[in-house]
């Protein structure tokens, strides 16, 4: 018998665990306080014993500025995540930075694809996963370019 995949709430708990416990982006104590939870309650959420509530997820996303939290919810949809252009920069600089970032991401895709194809005639599951990771990042970068261009006021003239 083949084991079923983990429930989605467990996958989210594993991601939150990775960000808070392994990568230590925010301490568990600070996260628990920000979410209005005790340390023990948050620990239960991170271990998948209890589920995160919608409000807690929103607060966690605001507290831990990591795109993987948002990407988790967008993965099974037709949506692409885009980073908002930096509001402290003028529109022209914002567009230039967004385009430069999107070009770097496209190069990353190319490098992973070339390396994968050079290692064999077929792409295995690891190759596909690496390529798809880079493609998602490139898609997000291109969506950010679109947002930066849309924010640009029309030229006068």
Protein backbone atom coordinates (compact mmCIF):
# COMPACT_ATOMS: atom_id res chain seq x y z
CA UNK A 1 0.00 0.00 0.00
CA UNK A 2 1.34 3.42 -0.96
CA UNK A 3 1.28 6.01 1.79
CA UNK A 4 -0.78 9.10 1.08
CA UNK A 5 0.88 12.47 0.82
CA UNK A 6 0.87 14.56 3.97
CA UNK A 7 -2.18 16.75 4.53
CA UNK A 8 -1.73 20.32 3.32
CA UNK A 9 -1.81 21.69 6.89
CA UNK A 10 1.17 19.47 7.77
CA UNK A 11 3.10 20.75 4.76
CA UNK A 12 2.48 24.33 5.89
CA UNK A 13 3.55 23.43 9.44
CA UNK A 14 6.77 21.92 8.02
CA UNK A 15 7.46 25.12 6.08
CA UNK A 16 6.79 27.30 9.13
CA UNK A 17 9.04 25.00 11.18
CA UNK A 18 11.79 25.37 8.56
CA UNK A 19 11.58 29.18 8.66
CA UNK A 20 11.29 29.61 12.43
CA UNK A 21 13.24 26.71 13.91
CA UNK A 22 15.81 25.72 11.28
CA UNK A 23 16.50 29.06 9.57
CA UNK A 24 15.65 31.14 12.67
CA UNK A 25 14.22 34.02 10.62
CA UNK A 26 12.26 35.04 13.73
CA UNK A 27 12.59 33.49 17.18
CA UNK A 28 9.80 31.19 18.28
CA UNK A 29 9.26 33.36 21.35
CA UNK A 30 8.76 36.50 19.25
CA UNK A 31 6.55 34.63 16.79
CA UNK A 32 4.39 33.18 19.59
CA UNK A 33 3.93 36.60 21.17
CA UNK A 34 3.14 38.25 17.80
CA UNK A 35 0.58 35.55 17.01
CA UNK A 36 -0.98 35.81 20.48
CA UNK A 37 -0.07 32.21 21.27
CA UNK A 38 1.85 30.54 24.05
CA UNK A 39 5.17 28.94 23.18
CA UNK A 40 3.61 25.49 23.67
CA UNK A 41 0.66 26.28 21.39
CA UNK A 42 2.92 27.54 18.61
CA UNK A 43 5.13 24.49 19.07
CA UNK A 44 2.05 22.30 18.54
CA UNK A 45 1.23 24.19 15.34
CA UNK A 46 4.81 23.87 14.04
CA UNK A 47 4.82 20.12 14.69
CA UNK A 48 1.49 19.65 12.91
CA UNK A 49 -0.38 18.47 16.02
CA UNK A 50 -2.81 21.36 15.68
CA UNK A 51 -3.62 23.50 12.67
CA UNK A 52 -2.77 27.13 12.13
CA UNK A 53 -5.85 29.35 11.97
CA UNK A 54 -6.32 31.73 9.04
CA UNK A 55 -5.61 34.82 11.17
CA UNK A 56 -2.43 33.24 12.52
CA UNK A 57 -1.25 32.50 8.99
CA UNK A 58 -1.86 36.13 7.97
CA UNK A 59 0.08 37.35 11.02
CA UNK A 60 2.90 34.88 10.35
CA UNK A 61 3.20 36.08 6.75
CA UNK A 62 3.39 39.69 7.98
CA UNK A 63 5.96 38.76 10.66
CA UNK A 64 8.20 36.56 8.50
CA UNK A 65 8.80 38.31 5.16
CA UNK A 66 9.62 35.14 3.25
CA UNK A 67 7.97 34.54 -0.14
CA UNK A 68 7.86 30.77 0.47
CA UNK A 69 4.95 31.30 2.86
CA UNK A 70 2.89 32.96 0.15
CA UNK A 71 4.12 30.63 -2.58
CA UNK A 72 2.83 27.70 -0.55
CA UNK A 73 -0.72 28.89 -1.17
CA UNK A 74 -0.17 29.91 -4.80
CA UNK A 75 1.51 26.66 -5.91
CA UNK A 76 -1.71 24.85 -6.76
CA UNK A 77 -3.31 27.85 -8.45
CA UNK A 78 -2.85 29.71 -11.70
CA UNK A 79 -1.52 32.74 -9.85
CA UNK A 80 2.02 34.11 -9.89
CA UNK A 81 3.41 36.02 -6.94
CA UNK A 82 4.95 39.40 -7.60
CA UNK A 83 6.87 41.63 -5.24
CA UNK A 84 5.52 45.17 -4.99
CA UNK A 85 7.92 47.76 -6.35
CA UNK A 86 9.80 49.67 -3.67
CA UNK A 87 7.70 52.75 -2.94
CA UNK A 88 10.73 54.70 -1.76
CA UNK A 89 12.29 54.63 -5.23
CA UNK A 90 11.17 56.67 -8.20
CA UNK A 91 9.34 54.74 -10.90
CA UNK A 92 12.20 54.69 -13.40
CA UNK A 93 14.67 53.23 -10.88
CA UNK A 94 12.03 50.74 -9.76
CA UNK A 95 11.50 49.53 -13.34
CA UNK A 96 15.27 49.25 -13.96
CA UNK A 97 15.77 47.20 -10.79
CA UNK A 98 12.81 44.95 -11.61
CA UNK A 99 14.09 44.32 -15.14
CA UNK A 100 17.63 43.60 -13.90
CA UNK A 101 16.24 41.13 -11.37
CA UNK A 102 14.09 39.41 -14.00
CA UNK A 103 17.10 39.03 -16.32
CA UNK A 104 19.13 37.46 -13.48
CA UNK A 105 16.27 35.04 -12.79
CA UNK A 106 16.01 34.12 -16.49
CA UNK A 107 19.76 33.42 -16.53
CA UNK A 108 19.31 31.18 -13.49
CA UNK A 109 16.65 29.21 -15.38
CA UNK A 110 18.95 28.86 -18.36
CA UNK A 111 21.87 27.68 -16.21
CA UNK A 112 19.79 25.02 -14.44
CA UNK A 113 18.29 23.76 -17.71
CA UNK A 114 21.69 23.56 -19.43
CA UNK A 115 23.29 21.81 -16.44
CA UNK A 116 20.42 19.33 -16.26
CA UNK A 117 20.55 18.54 -19.96
CA UNK A 118 24.33 18.16 -19.92
CA UNK A 119 24.09 15.57 -17.14
CA UNK A 120 21.94 13.21 -19.20
CA UNK A 121 19.51 12.78 -22.05
CA UNK A 122 16.45 12.96 -19.79
CA UNK A 123 15.37 15.20 -16.97
CA UNK A 124 14.84 13.32 -13.72
CA UNK A 125 12.58 14.46 -10.88
CA UNK A 126 15.39 16.45 -9.24
CA UNK A 127 16.16 18.26 -12.50
CA UNK A 128 12.49 19.09 -12.99
CA UNK A 129 12.16 20.35 -9.41
CA UNK A 130 15.23 22.58 -9.77
CA UNK A 131 14.03 23.96 -13.10
CA UNK A 132 10.50 24.60 -11.81
CA UNK A 133 11.88 26.42 -8.75
CA UNK A 134 13.86 28.75 -10.99
CA UNK A 135 10.93 29.21 -13.39
CA UNK A 136 8.63 30.22 -10.51
CA UNK A 137 11.17 32.79 -9.36
CA UNK A 138 11.54 34.12 -12.92
CA UNK A 139 7.75 34.32 -13.32
CA UNK A 140 7.54 36.34 -10.12
CA UNK A 141 10.31 38.64 -11.29
CA UNK A 142 8.52 39.26 -14.59
CA UNK A 143 5.26 39.95 -12.75
CA UNK A 144 7.16 42.50 -10.66
CA UNK A 145 8.35 44.19 -13.87
CA UNK A 146 4.73 44.39 -14.98
CA UNK A 147 3.70 45.97 -11.67
CA UNK A 148 6.55 48.49 -11.82
CA UNK A 149 5.64 49.48 -15.40
CA UNK A 150 1.94 49.77 -14.54
CA UNK A 151 2.84 52.03 -11.61
CA UNK A 152 4.77 54.36 -13.94
CA UNK A 153 2.64 57.41 -14.79
CA UNK A 154 2.00 57.99 -18.52
CA UNK A 155 4.59 60.07 -20.30
CA UNK A 156 3.59 63.62 -21.07
CA UNK A 157 4.29 65.09 -24.17
